[in-house]
């Protein structure tokens, strides 16, 4: 273990730290933007009533009070916390597994794609029950007040299937987003160090490393948002019984609206959220004496050991 490191890289403790950092960063950031998420879901379910960001907030506060902006906060904190733990922790794990299997450096992009997809599959299985309750709480004031009352009511009404009927469109939204987000982040970090800073990460200060993390995080969030918007609209439509099947949801919403409906508010949400997530995640790693994220670091270390006399 290197000086200053509290855990050794690529050990069980390391992956546990990554999972804990991911849980804290994702849970905290998603909790902070709950009002925007409440508005986004209502814009997707009732676009005639909620046409814009400012007018939508005004309508919600006027009809349901300011407290309505925080509906579903517990699902955001716990659900996305668990998802973030799985997503970040398993991404680090799978990145090293696939990095070993695909040792060719020209296949780095494939390693990032496979790693993020594998991690997201498990992360969404963990998130799905929380998301099912959250969407109903945010759009139906008579359904439940939160998780404690929402979980048993959903199970009583729809059974176990009710928690997971949105899993496929959730994968449809989050898998492309995660694959694009992580890959964009990885390549952005590489480009920043190679073309702009022109210094290796090890030669940069902690502040410089975290600045690179924030810039790469924002780029990753912005690109991923546009890719995942159609599936996000489908998820809201299914959970609120506006459609019984994915194809019916697509037909009801319309092809153009799939890409444009609620996109401005999602960009307002996702860009800063992903940036803050990466910042908090890497800050926790740095606090524990670890380098910031990016690249196939395990294989870089192996190569360095081979050339060390």
Protein backbone atom coordinates (compact mmCIF):
# COMPACT_ATOMS: atom_id res chain seq x y z
CA UNK A 1 0.00 0.00 0.00
CA UNK A 2 1.36 3.41 -0.99
CA UNK A 3 1.95 6.18 1.54
CA UNK A 4 -1.25 8.06 2.33
CA UNK A 5 -3.58 5.37 0.95
CA UNK A 6 -6.10 4.11 3.48
CA UNK A 7 -7.07 1.15 1.31
CA UNK A 8 -5.12 -0.75 -1.29
CA UNK A 9 -6.36 -0.33 -4.85
CA UNK A 10 -8.28 -3.18 -6.52
CA UNK A 11 -9.00 -5.04 -3.28
CA UNK A 12 -12.36 -5.80 -1.68
CA UNK A 13 -11.88 -2.80 0.59
CA UNK A 14 -11.24 -0.58 -2.43
CA UNK A 15 -14.42 -1.67 -4.20
CA UNK A 16 -16.35 -1.26 -0.94
CA UNK A 17 -15.03 2.30 -0.63
CA UNK A 18 -16.05 3.03 -4.24
CA UNK A 19 -19.54 1.67 -3.55
CA UNK A 20 -19.87 3.77 -0.38
CA UNK A 21 -18.63 6.88 -2.20
CA UNK A 22 -21.06 6.24 -5.04
CA UNK A 23 -23.94 5.76 -2.60
CA UNK A 24 -23.20 8.99 -0.76
CA UNK A 25 -22.60 11.08 -3.89
CA UNK A 26 -25.65 9.80 -5.79
CA UNK A 27 -28.04 9.86 -2.82
CA UNK A 28 -27.06 13.39 -1.75
CA UNK A 29 -27.20 14.91 -5.24
CA UNK A 30 -30.51 13.32 -6.18
CA UNK A 31 -32.03 14.44 -2.89
CA UNK A 32 -30.91 18.01 -3.58
CA UNK A 33 -32.72 18.19 -6.92
CA UNK A 34 -35.99 16.57 -5.79
CA UNK A 35 -38.07 19.71 -6.69
CA UNK A 36 -36.79 19.61 -10.27
CA UNK A 37 -37.52 15.89 -10.47
CA UNK A 38 -41.08 16.40 -9.21
CA UNK A 39 -41.61 19.01 -11.92
CA UNK A 40 -40.01 16.82 -14.61
CA UNK A 41 -42.27 13.85 -13.87
CA UNK A 42 -45.40 16.03 -13.87
CA UNK A 43 -44.36 17.64 -17.16
CA UNK A 44 -44.03 14.16 -18.68
CA UNK A 45 -47.35 12.89 -17.35
CA UNK A 46 -49.38 16.08 -17.88
CA UNK A 47 -47.62 18.24 -20.50
CA UNK A 48 -50.70 20.36 -21.15
CA UNK A 49 -50.86 21.53 -17.55
CA UNK A 50 -47.12 21.80 -16.90
CA UNK A 51 -45.70 23.54 -19.97
CA UNK A 52 -42.54 25.16 -18.63
CA UNK A 53 -40.18 25.24 -15.70
CA UNK A 54 -41.26 28.50 -14.04
CA UNK A 55 -44.97 28.10 -14.80
CA UNK A 56 -44.80 24.46 -13.68
CA UNK A 57 -43.30 25.36 -10.32
CA UNK A 58 -45.93 28.06 -9.91
CA UNK A 59 -48.76 25.61 -10.64
CA UNK A 60 -47.43 22.99 -8.21
CA UNK A 61 -46.98 25.48 -5.37
CA UNK A 62 -50.36 27.13 -5.98
CA UNK A 63 -52.35 23.88 -6.09
CA UNK A 64 -50.48 21.66 -3.61
CA UNK A 65 -48.26 23.97 -1.57
CA UNK A 66 -44.48 24.29 -1.45
CA UNK A 67 -44.15 20.95 0.32
CA UNK A 68 -45.28 19.25 -2.91
CA UNK A 69 -41.87 20.04 -4.39
CA UNK A 70 -40.30 17.51 -2.01
CA UNK A 71 -42.65 14.62 -2.67
CA UNK A 72 -40.73 11.38 -3.08
CA UNK A 73 -37.58 12.69 -1.37
CA UNK A 74 -37.03 9.46 0.57
CA UNK A 75 -37.17 7.40 -2.63
CA UNK A 76 -34.65 9.75 -4.20
CA UNK A 77 -32.27 9.53 -1.24
CA UNK A 78 -32.44 5.79 -0.65
CA UNK A 79 -33.24 4.52 -4.16
CA UNK A 80 -30.63 6.52 -5.99
CA UNK A 81 -28.19 6.03 -3.14
CA UNK A 82 -28.40 2.26 -3.55
CA UNK A 83 -28.26 2.62 -7.32
CA UNK A 84 -25.20 4.88 -7.11
CA UNK A 85 -23.41 2.43 -4.83
CA UNK A 86 -24.00 -0.42 -7.27
CA UNK A 87 -23.22 1.69 -10.33
CA UNK A 88 -19.91 3.18 -9.22
CA UNK A 89 -18.67 0.24 -7.17
CA UNK A 90 -19.48 -2.39 -9.79
CA UNK A 91 -18.18 -0.18 -12.61
CA UNK A 92 -14.75 -0.12 -10.98
CA UNK A 93 -14.91 -3.89 -10.48
CA UNK A 94 -16.08 -4.74 -13.99
CA UNK A 95 -13.61 -2.29 -15.54
CA UNK A 96 -10.75 -4.32 -14.12
CA UNK A 97 -12.37 -7.65 -15.05
CA UNK A 98 -12.96 -6.64 -18.67
CA UNK A 99 -9.60 -4.86 -18.75
CA UNK A 100 -7.93 -8.19 -17.99
CA UNK A 101 -9.99 -10.02 -20.60
CA UNK A 102 -9.50 -7.35 -23.29
CA UNK A 103 -5.87 -6.45 -22.73
CA UNK A 104 -5.54 -4.67 -26.09
CA UNK A 105 -5.30 -0.91 -25.37
CA UNK A 106 -7.18 -0.16 -28.59
CA UNK A 107 -10.27 -1.72 -26.99
CA UNK A 108 -10.48 0.70 -24.06
CA UNK A 109 -13.77 2.09 -25.34
CA UNK A 110 -15.27 -1.41 -25.40
CA UNK A 111 -14.08 -1.99 -21.83
CA UNK A 112 -15.83 1.20 -20.67
CA UNK A 113 -19.05 0.29 -22.52
CA UNK A 114 -19.21 -3.26 -21.16
CA UNK A 115 -18.27 -2.23 -17.62
CA UNK A 116 -20.88 0.52 -17.37
CA UNK A 117 -23.60 -1.66 -18.90
CA UNK A 118 -22.87 -4.57 -16.55
CA UNK A 119 -22.89 -2.31 -13.50
CA UNK A 120 -26.08 -0.51 -14.57
CA UNK A 121 -28.03 -3.76 -14.99
CA UNK A 122 -27.57 -4.57 -11.30
CA UNK A 123 -27.99 -0.95 -10.23
CA UNK A 124 -31.41 -0.64 -11.88
CA UNK A 125 -32.67 -3.88 -10.36
CA UNK A 126 -31.92 -2.27 -6.99
CA UNK A 127 -33.48 1.08 -7.99
CA UNK A 128 -36.67 -0.11 -9.68
CA UNK A 129 -38.92 -0.60 -6.60
CA UNK A 130 -37.97 2.84 -5.25
CA UNK A 131 -38.60 4.44 -8.66
CA UNK A 132 -42.02 2.81 -8.94
CA UNK A 133 -43.13 4.29 -5.61
CA UNK A 134 -41.46 7.67 -6.26
CA UNK A 135 -43.22 8.37 -9.54
CA UNK A 136 -46.64 7.54 -8.09
CA UNK A 137 -46.07 9.66 -4.99
CA UNK A 138 -44.93 12.63 -7.08
CA UNK A 139 -47.86 12.59 -9.50
CA UNK A 140 -50.78 11.31 -7.38
CA UNK A 141 -51.31 13.16 -4.11
CA UNK A 142 -53.82 10.50 -2.98
CA UNK A 143 -51.49 7.51 -3.46
CA UNK A 144 -49.15 7.77 -0.49
CA UNK A 145 -46.96 10.21 1.40
CA UNK A 146 -43.67 8.35 0.99
CA UNK A 147 -41.86 5.03 1.02
CA UNK A 148 -43.24 3.71 4.29
CA UNK A 149 -46.83 3.89 3.07
CA UNK A 150 -46.12 3.62 -0.65
CA UNK A 151 -44.37 0.24 -0.63
CA UNK A 152 -47.18 -1.74 1.08
CA UNK A 153 -49.89 0.02 -0.93
CA UNK A 154 -48.20 -0.69 -4.25
CA UNK A 155 -47.69 -4.33 -3.30
CA UNK A 156 -51.33 -4.65 -2.19
CA UNK A 157 -52.60 -3.11 -5.44
CA UNK A 158 -50.28 -4.66 -8.03
CA UNK A 159 -48.22 -7.33 -6.30
CA UNK A 160 -44.51 -7.89 -6.83
CA UNK A 161 -44.89 -7.14 -10.55
CA UNK A 162 -45.84 -3.56 -9.72
CA UNK A 163 -42.32 -2.85 -8.48
CA UNK A 164 -40.64 -4.14 -11.63
CA UNK A 165 -43.02 -3.52 -14.53
CA UNK A 166 -40.93 -0.48 -15.46
CA UNK A 167 -37.61 -2.36 -15.38
CA UNK A 168 -37.25 -2.78 -19.15
CA UNK A 169 -37.83 0.90 -19.99
CA UNK A 170 -35.67 1.80 -16.97
CA UNK A 171 -32.89 -0.24 -18.54
CA UNK A 172 -33.77 1.40 -21.85
CA UNK A 173 -33.23 4.81 -20.26
CA UNK A 174 -30.30 4.12 -17.96
CA UNK A 175 -28.22 1.63 -19.94
CA UNK A 176 -27.59 3.98 -22.89
CA UNK A 177 -27.14 6.89 -20.49
CA UNK A 178 -24.67 5.01 -18.31
CA UNK A 179 -22.68 3.62 -21.24
CA UNK A 180 -22.42 7.03 -22.89
CA UNK A 181 -21.85 8.86 -19.60
CA UNK A 182 -18.99 6.69 -18.33
CA UNK A 183 -17.34 6.42 -21.74
CA UNK A 184 -17.60 10.18 -22.33
CA UNK A 185 -16.18 10.80 -18.87
CA UNK A 186 -13.24 8.45 -19.43
CA UNK A 187 -12.35 9.92 -22.82
CA UNK A 188 -12.83 13.49 -21.56
CA UNK A 189 -10.38 12.88 -18.71
CA UNK A 190 -7.87 11.42 -21.15
CA UNK A 191 -8.21 14.32 -23.60
CA UNK A 192 -7.93 16.90 -20.80
CA UNK A 193 -4.64 15.45 -19.55
CA UNK A 194 -3.18 14.67 -22.96
CA UNK A 195 -4.24 17.69 -25.04
CA UNK A 196 -5.02 20.54 -22.62
CA UNK A 197 -3.10 20.15 -19.36
CA UNK A 198 -0.42 18.03 -21.06
CA UNK A 199 0.53 16.38 -17.80
CA UNK A 200 -0.12 12.96 -16.34
CA UNK A 201 -2.64 12.77 -13.54
CA UNK A 202 0.12 11.80 -11.09
CA UNK A 203 1.88 15.09 -11.86
CA UNK A 204 -1.19 17.24 -11.18
CA UNK A 205 -2.29 18.67 -7.85
CA UNK A 206 -5.46 17.40 -6.19
CA UNK A 207 -7.26 20.61 -7.14
CA UNK A 208 -6.28 20.16 -10.79
CA UNK A 209 -7.37 16.53 -10.76
CA UNK A 210 -10.77 17.43 -9.30
CA UNK A 211 -11.19 20.25 -11.82
CA UNK A 212 -10.68 17.73 -14.62
CA UNK A 213 -13.24 15.48 -12.91
CA UNK A 214 -15.85 18.27 -12.87
CA UNK A 215 -15.37 19.25 -16.53
CA UNK A 216 -15.44 15.65 -17.70
CA UNK A 217 -18.48 14.98 -15.48
CA UNK A 218 -20.49 17.83 -16.98
CA UNK A 219 -19.68 16.74 -20.54
CA UNK A 220 -20.68 13.18 -19.67
CA UNK A 221 -24.00 14.24 -18.13
CA UNK A 222 -24.99 16.53 -21.01
CA UNK A 223 -24.38 13.91 -23.70
CA UNK A 224 -26.08 11.14 -21.74
CA UNK A 225 -29.21 13.21 -21.10
CA UNK A 226 -30.09 13.62 -24.77
CA UNK A 227 -29.57 9.91 -25.46
CA UNK A 228 -31.78 8.72 -22.59
CA UNK A 229 -34.69 11.20 -22.87
CA UNK A 230 -37.09 8.99 -24.91
CA UNK A 231 -36.91 6.12 -22.43
CA UNK A 232 -37.35 8.52 -19.50
CA UNK A 233 -40.68 9.68 -20.94
CA UNK A 234 -41.78 6.08 -21.48
CA UNK A 235 -40.97 5.15 -17.85
CA UNK A 236 -43.14 7.97 -16.49
CA UNK A 237 -46.00 7.06 -18.83
CA UNK A 238 -45.98 3.38 -17.77
CA UNK A 239 -45.73 4.04 -14.05
CA UNK A 240 -48.66 6.48 -14.17
CA UNK A 241 -50.81 4.12 -16.23
CA UNK A 242 -50.98 6.49 -19.17
CA UNK A 243 -50.09 3.44 -21.26
CA UNK A 244 -50.15 -0.32 -20.70
CA UNK A 245 -47.21 -1.25 -22.93
CA UNK A 246 -44.04 0.35 -24.23
CA UNK A 247 -45.40 0.52 -27.79
CA UNK A 248 -48.61 2.15 -26.60
CA UNK A 249 -46.58 4.72 -24.65
CA UNK A 250 -44.53 5.53 -27.75
CA UNK A 251 -47.70 5.94 -29.80
CA UNK A 252 -49.39 8.15 -27.20
CA UNK A 253 -46.39 10.42 -26.66
CA UNK A 254 -45.34 10.69 -30.30
CA UNK A 255 -41.88 10.29 -31.79
CA UNK A 256 -40.94 13.98 -31.67
CA UNK A 257 -42.17 14.42 -28.10
CA UNK A 258 -40.16 11.40 -26.97
CA UNK A 259 -36.99 13.37 -27.65
CA UNK A 260 -38.15 16.87 -26.68
CA UNK A 261 -40.66 16.56 -23.85
CA UNK A 262 -39.09 17.60 -20.51
CA UNK A 263 -35.63 17.75 -22.14
CA UNK A 264 -34.79 21.31 -20.89
CA UNK A 265 -35.59 20.42 -17.28
CA UNK A 266 -33.70 17.12 -17.58
CA UNK A 267 -30.64 18.98 -18.85
CA UNK A 268 -31.00 21.39 -15.92
CA UNK A 269 -31.12 18.38 -13.60
CA UNK A 270 -28.67 15.89 -15.05
CA UNK A 271 -25.72 18.07 -16.06
CA UNK A 272 -25.08 19.59 -12.61
CA UNK A 273 -26.07 16.36 -10.84
CA UNK A 274 -23.58 14.21 -12.73
CA UNK A 275 -20.89 16.86 -12.26
CA UNK A 276 -21.51 16.99 -8.52
CA UNK A 277 -21.66 13.20 -8.28
CA UNK A 278 -18.27 12.78 -9.88
CA UNK A 279 -16.84 15.61 -7.75
CA UNK A 280 -18.08 14.06 -4.48
CA UNK A 281 -17.09 10.56 -5.59
CA UNK A 282 -13.55 11.55 -6.51
CA UNK A 283 -13.21 13.81 -3.45
CA UNK A 284 -13.89 10.81 -1.22
CA UNK A 285 -11.29 8.81 -3.13
CA UNK A 286 -8.74 11.62 -2.85
CA UNK A 287 -9.49 11.99 0.88
CA UNK A 288 -8.56 8.33 1.26
CA UNK A 289 -5.27 8.81 -0.56
CA UNK A 290 -6.48 7.43 -3.89
CA UNK A 291 -6.16 9.04 -7.35
CA UNK A 292 -9.17 10.49 -9.13
CA UNK A 293 -11.12 8.40 -11.62
CA UNK A 294 -10.30 7.72 -15.24
CA UNK A 295 -8.44 5.19 -17.37
CA UNK A 296 -7.45 1.57 -16.88
CA UNK A 297 -5.24 2.39 -13.94
CA UNK A 298 -4.60 -1.20 -12.86
CA UNK A 299 -3.02 -1.98 -16.20
CA UNK A 300 -0.97 1.22 -16.16
CA UNK A 301 0.43 0.16 -12.79
CA UNK A 302 1.20 -3.31 -14.12
CA UNK A 303 3.09 -1.83 -17.09
CA UNK A 304 5.04 0.44 -14.74
CA UNK A 305 6.07 -2.55 -12.62
CA UNK A 306 7.32 -4.37 -15.71
CA UNK A 307 9.66 -1.55 -16.71
CA UNK A 308 10.90 -0.79 -13.18
CA UNK A 309 14.52 -2.04 -12.88
